[in-house]
Amino acid sequence: MLPNLFLTLVCCGLMLFSFQDSLIFYPIDANNPRYGEFRAQEITIDSHGHQLQGWHFRNQDPTSDSVLLYFGGNAEDVTFNFDELDKFGASEFYFFNYRGYGRSSGKPSQK
């Protein structure tokens, strides 16, 4: 009985370790139909050999000279936050998707 339980726990642990990135990260489809709707410039930056896709906005009516830099979270395309820009008085906004999210190349991982 005890060897079977041990073998089962070891197998479960190996499976969890092997599939941890797919269990943790949930990239959003890169073909977001909203991408053509924005009054922003689509930009990319190089990050350790990967292209991170992002957006640059200039505020039409800024209340400060600040710049907002935002990287999306897990299971989030940064375009989900564009409706909230009016809450900030920054003069410019930069939004970037992490590796594997949106049109950013690469694959998300814990590294």
PDB file of N, CA and C in Angstrom:
ATOM      1  N   MET A   1       0.834  -1.209   0.000  1.00  0.00           N
ATOM      2  CA  MET A   1       0.000   0.000   0.000  1.00  0.00           C
ATOM      3  C   MET A   1       0.869   1.260   0.000  1.00  0.00           C
ATOM      4  N   LEU A   2       1.850   1.297   0.881  1.00  0.00           N
ATOM      5  CA  LEU A   2       2.714   2.470   0.996  1.00  0.00           C
ATOM      6  C   LEU A   2       3.537   2.720  -0.269  1.00  0.00           C
ATOM      7  N   PRO A   3       4.110   1.695  -0.920  1.00  0.00           N
ATOM      8  CA  PRO A   3       4.849   1.958  -2.169  1.00  0.00           C
ATOM      9  C   PRO A   3       3.948   2.511  -3.276  1.00  0.00           C
ATOM     10  N   ASN A   4       2.692   2.060  -3.353  1.00  0.00           N
ATOM     11  CA  ASN A   4       1.773   2.575  -4.370  1.00  0.00           C
ATOM     12  C   ASN A   4       1.441   4.048  -4.122  1.00  0.00           C
ATOM     13  N   LEU A   5       1.254   4.410  -2.878  1.00  0.00           N
ATOM     14  CA  LEU A   5       0.985   5.799  -2.531  1.00  0.00           C
ATOM     15  C   LEU A   5       2.186   6.675  -2.864  1.00  0.00           C
ATOM     16  N   PHE A   6       3.359   6.216  -2.531  1.00  0.00           N
ATOM     17  CA  PHE A   6       4.585   6.949  -2.830  1.00  0.00           C
ATOM     18  C   PHE A   6       4.744   7.135  -4.332  1.00  0.00           C
ATOM     19  N   LEU A   7       4.533   6.081  -5.106  1.00  0.00           N
ATOM     20  CA  LEU A   7       4.645   6.153  -6.561  1.00  0.00           C
ATOM     21  C   LEU A   7       3.612   7.129  -7.138  1.00  0.00           C
ATOM     22  N   THR A   8       2.409   7.096  -6.606  1.00  0.00           N
ATOM     23  CA  THR A   8       1.356   8.015  -7.055  1.00  0.00           C
ATOM     24  C   THR A   8       1.734   9.461  -6.759  1.00  0.00           C
ATOM     25  N   LEU A   9       2.244   9.742  -5.574  1.00  0.00           N
ATOM     26  CA  LEU A   9       2.661  11.102  -5.217  1.00  0.00           C
ATOM     27  C   LEU A   9       3.826  11.574  -6.073  1.00  0.00           C
ATOM     28  N   VAL A  10       4.784  10.709  -6.342  1.00  0.00           N
ATOM     29  CA  VAL A  10       5.917  11.075  -7.192  1.00  0.00           C
ATOM     30  C   VAL A  10       5.434  11.386  -8.607  1.00  0.00           C
ATOM     31  N   CYS A  11       4.551  10.563  -9.153  1.00  0.00           N
ATOM     32  CA  CYS A  11       4.011  10.797 -10.498  1.00  0.00           C
ATOM     33  C   CYS A  11       3.229  12.117 -10.562  1.00  0.00           C
ATOM     34  N   CYS A  12       2.417  12.381  -9.559  1.00  0.00           N
ATOM     35  CA  CYS A  12       1.653  13.642  -9.516  1.00  0.00           C
ATOM     36  C   CYS A  12       2.601  14.838  -9.437  1.00  0.00           C
ATOM     37  N   GLY A  13       3.625  14.720  -8.612  1.00  0.00           N
ATOM     38  CA  GLY A  13       4.601  15.800  -8.494  1.00  0.00           C
ATOM     39  C   GLY A  13       5.334  16.054  -9.793  1.00  0.00           C
ATOM     40  N   LEU A  14       5.732  15.002 -10.495  1.00  0.00           N
ATOM     41  CA  LEU A  14       6.404  15.151 -11.789  1.00  0.00           C
ATOM     42  C   LEU A  14       5.484  15.771 -12.831  1.00  0.00           C
ATOM     43  N   MET A  15       4.216  15.383 -12.834  1.00  0.00           N
ATOM     44  CA  MET A  15       3.265  15.968 -13.782  1.00  0.00           C
ATOM     45  C   MET A  15       3.051  17.447 -13.501  1.00  0.00           C
ATOM     46  N   LEU A  16       2.892  17.798 -12.236  1.00  0.00           N
ATOM     47  CA  LEU A  16       2.723  19.213 -11.886  1.00  0.00           C
ATOM     48  C   LEU A  16       3.944  20.024 -12.273  1.00  0.00           C
ATOM     49  N   PHE A  17       5.127  19.475 -12.034  1.00  0.00           N
ATOM     50  CA  PHE A  17       6.358  20.181 -12.399  1.00  0.00           C
ATOM     51  C   PHE A  17       6.447  20.354 -13.911  1.00  0.00           C
ATOM     52  N   SER A  18       6.129  19.314 -14.657  1.00  0.00           N
ATOM     53  CA  SER A  18       6.242  19.349 -16.115  1.00  0.00           C
ATOM     54  C   SER A  18       5.270  20.341 -16.758  1.00  0.00           C
ATOM     55  N   PHE A  19       4.086  20.465 -16.197  1.00  0.00           N
ATOM     56  CA  PHE A  19       3.051  21.311 -16.799  1.00  0.00           C
ATOM     57  C   PHE A  19       2.804  22.601 -16.025  1.00  0.00           C
ATOM     58  N   GLN A  20       3.745  23.006 -15.169  1.00  0.00           N
ATOM     59  CA  GLN A  20       3.498  24.160 -14.307  1.00  0.00           C
ATOM     60  C   GLN A  20       3.258  25.448 -15.084  1.00  0.00           C
ATOM     61  N   ASP A  21       4.001  25.682 -16.161  1.00  0.00           N
ATOM     62  CA  ASP A  21       3.791  26.926 -16.906  1.00  0.00           C
ATOM     63  C   ASP A  21       2.400  26.985 -17.526  1.00  0.00           C
ATOM     64  N   SER A  22       1.913  25.859 -18.059  1.00  0.00           N
ATOM     65  CA  SER A  22       0.573  25.879 -18.657  1.00  0.00           C
ATOM     66  C   SER A  22      -0.525  25.956 -17.595  1.00  0.00           C
ATOM     67  N   LEU A  23      -0.211  25.576 -16.371  1.00  0.00           N
ATOM     68  CA  LEU A  23      -1.186  25.687 -15.287  1.00  0.00           C
ATOM     69  C   LEU A  23      -1.209  27.081 -14.662  1.00  0.00           C
ATOM     70  N   ILE A  24      -0.110  27.827 -14.830  1.00  0.00           N
ATOM     71  CA  ILE A  24       0.017  29.144 -14.207  1.00  0.00           C
ATOM     72  C   ILE A  24      -0.355  30.272 -15.164  1.00  0.00           C
ATOM     73  N   PHE A  25       0.108  30.191 -16.412  1.00  0.00           N
ATOM     74  CA  PHE A  25      -0.047  31.287 -17.361  1.00  0.00           C
ATOM     75  C   PHE A  25      -1.157  30.988 -18.358  1.00  0.00           C
ATOM     76  N   TYR A  26      -1.935  32.023 -18.682  1.00  0.00           N
ATOM     77  CA  TYR A  26      -3.063  31.894 -19.602  1.00  0.00           C
ATOM     78  C   TYR A  26      -2.981  32.981 -20.674  1.00  0.00           C
ATOM     79  N   PRO A  27      -2.115  32.802 -21.679  1.00  0.00           N
ATOM     80  CA  PRO A  27      -1.997  33.839 -22.719  1.00  0.00           C
ATOM     81  C   PRO A  27      -3.304  34.041 -23.474  1.00  0.00           C
ATOM     82  N   ILE A  28      -3.536  35.279 -23.859  1.00  0.00           N
ATOM     83  CA  ILE A  28      -4.715  35.658 -24.633  1.00  0.00           C
ATOM     84  C   ILE A  28      -4.371  35.570 -26.116  1.00  0.00           C
ATOM     85  N   ASP A  29      -5.337  35.246 -26.945  1.00  0.00           N
ATOM     86  CA  ASP A  29      -5.147  35.114 -28.388  1.00  0.00           C
ATOM     87  C   ASP A  29      -4.554  36.384 -28.981  1.00  0.00           C
ATOM     88  N   ALA A  30      -3.569  36.219 -29.852  1.00  0.00           N
ATOM     89  CA  ALA A  30      -2.886  37.362 -30.463  1.00  0.00           C
ATOM     90  C   ALA A  30      -3.729  38.062 -31.521  1.00  0.00           C
ATOM     91  N   ASN A  31      -4.808  37.464 -31.951  1.00  0.00           N
ATOM     92  CA  ASN A  31      -5.638  38.058 -32.990  1.00  0.00           C
ATOM     93  C   ASN A  31      -6.826  38.794 -32.386  1.00  0.00           C
ATOM     94  N   ASN A  32      -6.541  39.671 -31.450  1.00  0.00           N
ATOM     95  CA  ASN A  32      -7.575  40.447 -30.788  1.00  0.00           C
ATOM     96  C   ASN A  32      -8.231  41.370 -31.818  1.00  0.00           C
ATOM     97  N   PRO A  33      -9.528  41.254 -32.056  1.00  0.00           N
ATOM     98  CA  PRO A  33     -10.181  42.101 -33.055  1.00  0.00           C
ATOM     99  C   PRO A  33     -10.195  43.577 -32.679  1.00  0.00           C
ATOM    100  N   ARG A  34      -9.946  43.900 -31.421  1.00  0.00           N
ATOM    101  CA  ARG A  34      -9.959  45.301 -30.984  1.00  0.00           C
ATOM    102  C   ARG A  34      -8.711  46.049 -31.421  1.00  0.00           C
ATOM    103  N   TYR A  35      -7.661  45.376 -31.874  1.00  0.00           N
ATOM    104  CA  TYR A  35      -6.385  46.032 -32.167  1.00  0.00           C
ATOM    105  C   TYR A  35      -6.491  47.150 -33.198  1.00  0.00           C
ATOM    106  N   GLY A  36      -7.444  47.077 -34.096  1.00  0.00           N
ATOM    107  CA  GLY A  36      -7.581  48.118 -35.102  1.00  0.00           C
ATOM    108  C   GLY A  36      -8.381  49.323 -34.650  1.00  0.00           C
ATOM    109  N   GLU A  37      -8.908  49.315 -33.432  1.00  0.00           N
ATOM    110  CA  GLU A  37      -9.831  50.356 -32.968  1.00  0.00           C
ATOM    111  C   GLU A  37      -9.177  51.498 -32.194  1.00  0.00           C
ATOM    112  N   PHE A  38      -7.894  51.433 -31.912  1.00  0.00           N
ATOM    113  CA  PHE A  38      -7.317  52.345 -30.939  1.00  0.00           C
ATOM    114  C   PHE A  38      -6.663  53.561 -31.573  1.00  0.00           C
ATOM    115  N   ARG A  39      -6.711  54.653 -30.855  1.00  0.00           N
ATOM    116  CA  ARG A  39      -6.045  55.893 -31.262  1.00  0.00           C
ATOM    117  C   ARG A  39      -4.620  55.896 -30.735  1.00  0.00           C
ATOM    118  N   ALA A  40      -3.939  54.796 -30.924  1.00  0.00           N
ATOM    119  CA  ALA A  40      -2.589  54.637 -30.391  1.00  0.00           C
ATOM    120  C   ALA A  40      -1.678  54.083 -31.468  1.00  0.00           C
ATOM    121  N   GLN A  41      -0.399  54.268 -31.232  1.00  0.00           N
ATOM    122  CA  GLN A  41       0.603  53.722 -32.127  1.00  0.00           C
ATOM    123  C   GLN A  41       1.053  52.374 -31.572  1.00  0.00           C
ATOM    124  N   GLU A  42       0.971  51.347 -32.393  1.00  0.00           N
ATOM    125  CA  GLU A  42       1.456  50.037 -31.970  1.00  0.00           C
ATOM    126  C   GLU A  42       2.979  50.040 -32.084  1.00  0.00           C
ATOM    127  N   ILE A  43       3.657  49.603 -31.020  1.00  0.00           N
ATOM    128  CA  ILE A  43       5.115  49.618 -30.987  1.00  0.00           C
ATOM    129  C   ILE A  43       5.640  48.267 -30.499  1.00  0.00           C
ATOM    130  N   THR A  44       6.913  48.021 -30.729  1.00  0.00           N
ATOM    131  CA  THR A  44       7.567  46.823 -30.192  1.00  0.00           C
ATOM    132  C   THR A  44       8.911  47.228 -29.593  1.00  0.00           C
ATOM    133  N   ILE A  45       9.309  46.488 -28.562  1.00  0.00           N
ATOM    134  CA  ILE A  45      10.647  46.659 -27.982  1.00  0.00           C
ATOM    135  C   ILE A  45      11.293  45.279 -27.899  1.00  0.00           C
ATOM    136  N   ASP A  46      12.613  45.271 -27.943  1.00  0.00           N
ATOM    137  CA  ASP A  46      13.352  44.025 -27.833  1.00  0.00           C
ATOM    138  C   ASP A  46      13.655  43.753 -26.367  1.00  0.00           C
ATOM    139  N   SER A  47      13.373  42.536 -25.922  1.00  0.00           N
ATOM    140  CA  SER A  47      13.638  42.140 -24.545  1.00  0.00           C
ATOM    141  C   SER A  47      14.278  40.757 -24.545  1.00  0.00           C
ATOM    142  N   HIS A  48      15.581  40.723 -24.419  1.00  0.00           N
ATOM    143  CA  HIS A  48      16.311  39.454 -24.349  1.00  0.00           C
ATOM    144  C   HIS A  48      15.987  38.542 -25.525  1.00  0.00           C
ATOM    145  N   GLY A  49      15.994  39.100 -26.722  1.00  0.00           N
ATOM    146  CA  GLY A  49      15.761  38.310 -27.928  1.00  0.00           C
ATOM    147  C   GLY A  49      14.308  38.106 -28.291  1.00  0.00           C
ATOM    148  N   HIS A  50      13.389  38.679 -27.543  1.00  0.00           N
ATOM    149  CA  HIS A  50      11.955  38.569 -27.849  1.00  0.00           C
ATOM    150  C   HIS A  50      11.399  39.955 -28.133  1.00  0.00           C
ATOM    151  N   GLN A  51      10.424  40.009 -29.019  1.00  0.00           N
ATOM    152  CA  GLN A  51       9.752  41.259 -29.337  1.00  0.00           C
ATOM    153  C   GLN A  51       8.506  41.395 -28.467  1.00  0.00           C
ATOM    154  N   LEU A  52       8.484  42.430 -27.632  1.00  0.00           N
ATOM    155  CA  LEU A  52       7.309  42.707 -26.815  1.00  0.00           C
ATOM    156  C   LEU A  52       6.451  43.728 -27.547  1.00  0.00           C
ATOM    157  N   GLN A  53       5.216  43.368 -27.774  1.00  0.00           N
ATOM    158  CA  GLN A  53       4.284  44.230 -28.482  1.00  0.00           C
ATOM    159  C   GLN A  53       3.614  45.156 -27.490  1.00  0.00           C
ATOM    160  N   GLY A  54       3.454  46.408 -27.889  1.00  0.00           N
ATOM    161  CA  GLY A  54       2.829  47.364 -26.997  1.00  0.00           C
ATOM    162  C   GLY A  54       2.142  48.489 -27.742  1.00  0.00           C
ATOM    163  N   TRP A  55       1.707  49.468 -26.960  1.00  0.00           N
ATOM    164  CA  TRP A  55       0.950  50.598 -27.486  1.00  0.00           C
ATOM    165  C   TRP A  55       1.454  51.884 -26.847  1.00  0.00           C
ATOM    166  N   HIS A  56       1.497  52.941 -27.633  1.00  0.00           N
ATOM    167  CA  HIS A  56       1.887  54.259 -27.134  1.00  0.00           C
ATOM    168  C   HIS A  56       0.747  55.240 -27.395  1.00  0.00           C
ATOM    169  N   PHE A  57       0.328  55.913 -26.332  1.00  0.00           N
ATOM    170  CA  PHE A  57      -0.724  56.938 -26.408  1.00  0.00           C
ATOM    171  C   PHE A  57      -0.145  58.271 -25.989  1.00  0.00           C
ATOM    172  N   ARG A  58      -0.565  59.313 -26.614  1.00  0.00           N
ATOM    173  CA  ARG A  58      -0.314  60.677 -26.138  1.00  0.00           C
ATOM    174  C   ARG A  58      -1.656  61.223 -25.657  1.00  0.00           C
ATOM    175  N   ASN A  59      -1.663  61.719 -24.443  1.00  0.00           N
ATOM    176  CA  ASN A  59      -2.887  62.258 -23.867  1.00  0.00           C
ATOM    177  C   ASN A  59      -3.192  63.603 -24.518  1.00  0.00           C
ATOM    178  N   GLN A  60      -4.411  63.776 -24.960  1.00  0.00           N
ATOM    179  CA  GLN A  60      -4.831  65.020 -25.601  1.00  0.00           C
ATOM    180  C   GLN A  60      -4.977  66.163 -24.606  1.00  0.00           C
ATOM    181  N   ASP A  61      -5.256  65.807 -23.347  1.00  0.00           N
ATOM    182  CA  ASP A  61      -5.483  66.824 -22.317  1.00  0.00           C
ATOM    183  C   ASP A  61      -4.791  66.413 -21.011  1.00  0.00           C
ATOM    184  N   PRO A  62      -3.440  66.390 -20.996  1.00  0.00           N
ATOM    185  CA  PRO A  62      -2.741  65.930 -19.784  1.00  0.00           C
ATOM    186  C   PRO A  62      -2.844  66.939 -18.644  1.00  0.00           C
ATOM    187  N   THR A  63      -2.837  66.425 -17.436  1.00  0.00           N
ATOM    188  CA  THR A  63      -2.823  67.287 -16.249  1.00  0.00           C
ATOM    189  C   THR A  63      -1.460  67.241 -15.552  1.00  0.00           C
ATOM    190  N   SER A  64      -0.536  66.426 -16.091  1.00  0.00           N
ATOM    191  CA  SER A  64       0.821  66.376 -15.548  1.00  0.00           C
ATOM    192  C   SER A  64       1.789  65.953 -16.644  1.00  0.00           C
ATOM    193  N   ASP A  65       3.082  66.056 -16.339  1.00  0.00           N
ATOM    194  CA  ASP A  65       4.107  65.642 -17.294  1.00  0.00           C
ATOM    195  C   ASP A  65       4.519  64.184 -17.103  1.00  0.00           C
ATOM    196  N   SER A  66       3.818  63.456 -16.265  1.00  0.00           N
ATOM    197  CA  SER A  66       4.198  62.081 -15.955  1.00  0.00           C
ATOM    198  C   SER A  66       3.930  61.147 -17.136  1.00  0.00           C
ATOM    199  N   VAL A  67       4.612  60.015 -17.100  1.00  0.00           N
ATOM    200  CA  VAL A  67       4.461  58.974 -18.111  1.00  0.00           C
ATOM    201  C   VAL A  67       4.080  57.691 -17.388  1.00  0.00           C
ATOM    202  N   LEU A  68       3.058  57.001 -17.872  1.00  0.00           N
ATOM    203  CA  LEU A  68       2.618  55.755 -17.271  1.00  0.00           C
ATOM    204  C   LEU A  68       3.131  54.593 -18.109  1.00  0.00           C
ATOM    205  N   LEU A  69       3.852  53.665 -17.476  1.00  0.00           N
ATOM    206  CA  LEU A  69       4.362  52.461 -18.113  1.00  0.00           C
ATOM    207  C   LEU A  69       3.663  51.276 -17.473  1.00  0.00           C
ATOM    208  N   TYR A  70       3.011  50.441 -18.299  1.00  0.00           N
ATOM    209  CA  TYR A  70       2.217  49.346 -17.754  1.00  0.00           C
ATOM    210  C   TYR A  70       2.507  48.052 -18.502  1.00  0.00           C
ATOM    211  N   PHE A  71       2.763  46.995 -17.754  1.00  0.00           N
ATOM    212  CA  PHE A  71       2.898  45.645 -18.293  1.00  0.00           C
ATOM    213  C   PHE A  71       1.715  44.838 -17.780  1.00  0.00           C
ATOM    214  N   GLY A  72       1.021  44.160 -18.686  1.00  0.00           N
ATOM    215  CA  GLY A  72      -0.173  43.423 -18.328  1.00  0.00           C
ATOM    216  C   GLY A  72       0.088  42.284 -17.359  1.00  0.00           C
ATOM    217  N   GLY A  73      -0.971  41.826 -16.734  1.00  0.00           N
ATOM    218  CA  GLY A  73      -0.878  40.724 -15.793  1.00  0.00           C
ATOM    219  C   GLY A  73      -1.252  39.405 -16.438  1.00  0.00           C
ATOM    220  N   ASN A  74      -1.362  38.382 -15.635  1.00  0.00           N
ATOM    221  CA  ASN A  74      -1.676  37.051 -16.133  1.00  0.00           C
ATOM    222  C   ASN A  74      -3.091  37.007 -16.712  1.00  0.00           C
ATOM    223  N   ALA A  75      -3.215  36.343 -17.835  1.00  0.00           N
ATOM    224  CA  ALA A  75      -4.499  36.195 -18.535  1.00  0.00           C
ATOM    225  C   ALA A  75      -5.082  37.546 -18.925  1.00  0.00           C
ATOM    226  N   GLU A  76      -4.209  38.490 -19.268  1.00  0.00           N
ATOM    227  CA  GLU A  76      -4.668  39.838 -19.596  1.00  0.00           C
ATOM    228  C   GLU A  76      -3.943  40.354 -20.825  1.00  0.00           C
ATOM    229  N   ASP A  77      -4.699  40.857 -21.754  1.00  0.00           N
ATOM    230  CA  ASP A  77      -4.141  41.626 -22.853  1.00  0.00           C
ATOM    231  C   ASP A  77      -4.246  43.083 -22.398  1.00  0.00           C
ATOM    232  N   VAL A  78      -3.189  43.847 -22.570  1.00  0.00           N
ATOM    233  CA  VAL A  78      -3.187  45.222 -22.049  1.00  0.00           C
ATOM    234  C   VAL A  78      -4.287  46.082 -22.649  1.00  0.00           C
ATOM    235  N   THR A  79      -4.827  45.693 -23.792  1.00  0.00           N
ATOM    236  CA  THR A  79      -5.890  46.493 -24.403  1.00  0.00           C
ATOM    237  C   THR A  79      -7.147  46.533 -23.549  1.00  0.00           C
ATOM    238  N   PHE A  80      -7.283  45.609 -22.593  1.00  0.00           N
ATOM    239  CA  PHE A  80      -8.438  45.614 -21.704  1.00  0.00           C
ATOM    240  C   PHE A  80      -8.464  46.858 -20.815  1.00  0.00           C
ATOM    241  N   ASN A  81      -7.332  47.546 -20.668  1.00  0.00           N
ATOM    242  CA  ASN A  81      -7.232  48.704 -19.781  1.00  0.00           C
ATOM    243  C   ASN A  81      -7.374  50.046 -20.494  1.00  0.00           C
ATOM    244  N   PHE A  82      -7.503  50.040 -21.795  1.00  0.00           N
ATOM    245  CA  PHE A  82      -7.521  51.302 -22.531  1.00  0.00           C
ATOM    246  C   PHE A  82      -8.725  52.174 -22.200  1.00  0.00           C
ATOM    247  N   ASP A  83      -9.813  51.580 -21.778  1.00  0.00           N
ATOM    248  CA  ASP A  83     -10.998  52.359 -21.430  1.00  0.00           C
ATOM    249  C   ASP A  83     -10.798  53.159 -20.151  1.00  0.00           C
ATOM    250  N   GLU A  84      -9.776  52.826 -19.377  1.00  0.00           N
ATOM    251  CA  GLU A  84      -9.523  53.470 -18.087  1.00  0.00           C
ATOM    252  C   GLU A  84      -8.523  54.630 -18.181  1.00  0.00           C
ATOM    253  N   LEU A  85      -8.028  54.971 -19.356  1.00  0.00           N
ATOM    254  CA  LEU A  85      -6.984  55.982 -19.491  1.00  0.00           C
ATOM    255  C   LEU A  85      -7.406  57.364 -18.994  1.00  0.00           C
ATOM    256  N   ASP A  86      -8.666  57.670 -19.095  1.00  0.00           N
ATOM    257  CA  ASP A  86      -9.134  58.992 -18.685  1.00  0.00           C
ATOM    258  C   ASP A  86      -8.979  59.240 -17.186  1.00  0.00           C
ATOM    259  N   LYS A  87      -8.800  58.172 -16.409  1.00  0.00           N
ATOM    260  CA  LYS A  87      -8.640  58.325 -14.965  1.00  0.00           C
ATOM    261  C   LYS A  87      -7.258  58.855 -14.583  1.00  0.00           C
ATOM    262  N   PHE A  88      -6.330  58.793 -15.523  1.00  0.00           N
ATOM    263  CA  PHE A  88      -4.958  59.227 -15.254  1.00  0.00           C
ATOM    264  C   PHE A  88      -4.669  60.494 -16.033  1.00  0.00           C
ATOM    265  N   GLY A  89      -3.925  61.384 -15.443  1.00  0.00           N
ATOM    266  CA  GLY A  89      -3.616  62.645 -16.106  1.00  0.00           C
ATOM    267  C   GLY A  89      -2.261  62.648 -16.775  1.00  0.00           C
ATOM    268  N   ALA A  90      -1.671  61.498 -16.973  1.00  0.00           N
ATOM    269  CA  ALA A  90      -0.325  61.408 -17.553  1.00  0.00           C
ATOM    270  C   ALA A  90      -0.302  61.981 -18.965  1.00  0.00           C
ATOM    271  N   SER A  91       0.863  62.462 -19.363  1.00  0.00           N
ATOM    272  CA  SER A  91       0.988  63.020 -20.710  1.00  0.00           C
ATOM    273  C   SER A  91       1.156  61.926 -21.760  1.00  0.00           C
ATOM    274  N   GLU A  92       1.753  60.791 -21.356  1.00  0.00           N
ATOM    275  CA  GLU A  92       1.944  59.674 -22.282  1.00  0.00           C
ATOM    276  C   GLU A  92       1.718  58.358 -21.555  1.00  0.00           C
ATOM    277  N   PHE A  93       1.305  57.351 -22.334  1.00  0.00           N
ATOM    278  CA  PHE A  93       1.058  56.018 -21.805  1.00  0.00           C
ATOM    279  C   PHE A  93       1.774  54.994 -22.670  1.00  0.00           C
ATOM    280  N   TYR A  94       2.420  54.037 -22.028  1.00  0.00           N
ATOM    281  CA  TYR A  94       3.040  52.911 -22.720  1.00  0.00           C
ATOM    282  C   TYR A  94       2.497  51.635 -22.094  1.00  0.00           C
ATOM    283  N   PHE A  95       1.907  50.792 -22.909  1.00  0.00           N
ATOM    284  CA  PHE A  95       1.355  49.517 -22.463  1.00  0.00           C
ATOM    285  C   PHE A  95       2.064  48.407 -23.225  1.00  0.00           C
ATOM    286  N   PHE A  96       2.533  47.385 -22.515  1.00  0.00           N
ATOM    287  CA  PHE A  96       3.211  46.266 -23.161  1.00  0.00           C
ATOM    288  C   PHE A  96       2.652  44.937 -22.674  1.00  0.00           C
ATOM    289  N   ASN A  97       2.535  44.005 -23.616  1.00  0.00           N
ATOM    290  CA  ASN A  97       2.162  42.636 -23.287  1.00  0.00           C
ATOM    291  C   ASN A  97       3.420  41.850 -22.963  1.00  0.00           C
ATOM    292  N   TYR A  98       3.340  40.991 -21.961  1.00  0.00           N
ATOM    293  CA  TYR A  98       4.453  40.102 -21.635  1.00  0.00           C
ATOM    294  C   TYR A  98       4.661  39.086 -22.740  1.00  0.00           C
ATOM    295  N   ARG A  99       5.756  38.345 -22.662  1.00  0.00           N
ATOM    296  CA  ARG A  99       6.051  37.289 -23.633  1.00  0.00           C
ATOM    297  C   ARG A  99       4.885  36.315 -23.734  1.00  0.00           C
ATOM    298  N   GLY A 100       4.494  36.049 -24.983  1.00  0.00           N
ATOM    299  CA  GLY A 100       3.419  35.097 -25.224  1.00  0.00           C
ATOM    300  C   GLY A 100       2.019  35.670 -25.110  1.00  0.00           C
ATOM    301  N   TYR A 101       1.885  36.917 -24.721  1.00  0.00           N
ATOM    302  CA  TYR A 101       0.568  37.563 -24.606  1.00  0.00           C
ATOM    303  C   TYR A 101       0.411  38.546 -25.760  1.00  0.00           C
ATOM    304  N   GLY A 102      -0.817  38.702 -26.231  1.00  0.00           N
ATOM    305  CA  GLY A 102      -1.042  39.597 -27.355  1.00  0.00           C
ATOM    306  C   GLY A 102      -0.199  39.163 -28.538  1.00  0.00           C
ATOM    307  N   ARG A 103       0.519  40.104 -29.138  1.00  0.00           N
ATOM    308  CA  ARG A 103       1.394  39.788 -30.273  1.00  0.00           C
ATOM    309  C   ARG A 103       2.861  39.708 -29.851  1.00  0.00           C
ATOM    310  N   SER A 104       3.140  39.647 -28.579  1.00  0.00           N
ATOM    311  CA  SER A 104       4.524  39.514 -28.111  1.00  0.00           C
ATOM    312  C   SER A 104       5.022  38.109 -28.380  1.00  0.00           C
ATOM    313  N   SER A 105       6.269  38.024 -28.814  1.00  0.00           N
ATOM    314  CA  SER A 105       6.833  36.708 -29.110  1.00  0.00           C
ATOM    315  C   SER A 105       7.264  36.019 -27.822  1.00  0.00           C
ATOM    316  N   GLY A 106       7.620  34.762 -27.939  1.00  0.00           N
ATOM    317  CA  GLY A 106       8.086  34.013 -26.776  1.00  0.00           C
ATOM    318  C   GLY A 106       6.972  33.271 -26.084  1.00  0.00           C
ATOM    319  N   LYS A 107       7.301  32.770 -24.932  1.00  0.00           N
ATOM    320  CA  LYS A 107       6.376  31.967 -24.145  1.00  0.00           C
ATOM    321  C   LYS A 107       6.515  32.393 -22.691  1.00  0.00           C
ATOM    322  N   PRO A 108       5.419  32.622 -21.980  1.00  0.00           N
ATOM    323  CA  PRO A 108       5.535  33.020 -20.582  1.00  0.00           C
ATOM    324  C   PRO A 108       6.090  31.874 -19.758  1.00  0.00           C
ATOM    325  N   SER A 109       6.918  32.216 -18.780  1.00  0.00           N
ATOM    326  CA  SER A 109       7.469  31.208 -17.870  1.00  0.00           C
ATOM    327  C   SER A 109       7.831  31.881 -16.558  1.00  0.00           C
ATOM    328  N   GLN A 110       8.177  31.080 -15.567  1.00  0.00           N
ATOM    329  CA  GLN A 110       8.559  31.623 -14.273  1.00  0.00           C
ATOM    330  C   GLN A 110       9.946  32.271 -14.313  1.00  0.00           C
ATOM    331  N   LYS A 111      10.743  31.918 -15.285  1.00  0.00           N
ATOM    332  CA  LYS A 111      12.067  32.523 -15.431  1.00  0.00           C
ATOM    333  C   LYS A 111      11.932  33.990 -15.719  1.00  0.00           C
TER     334      LYS A 111
END
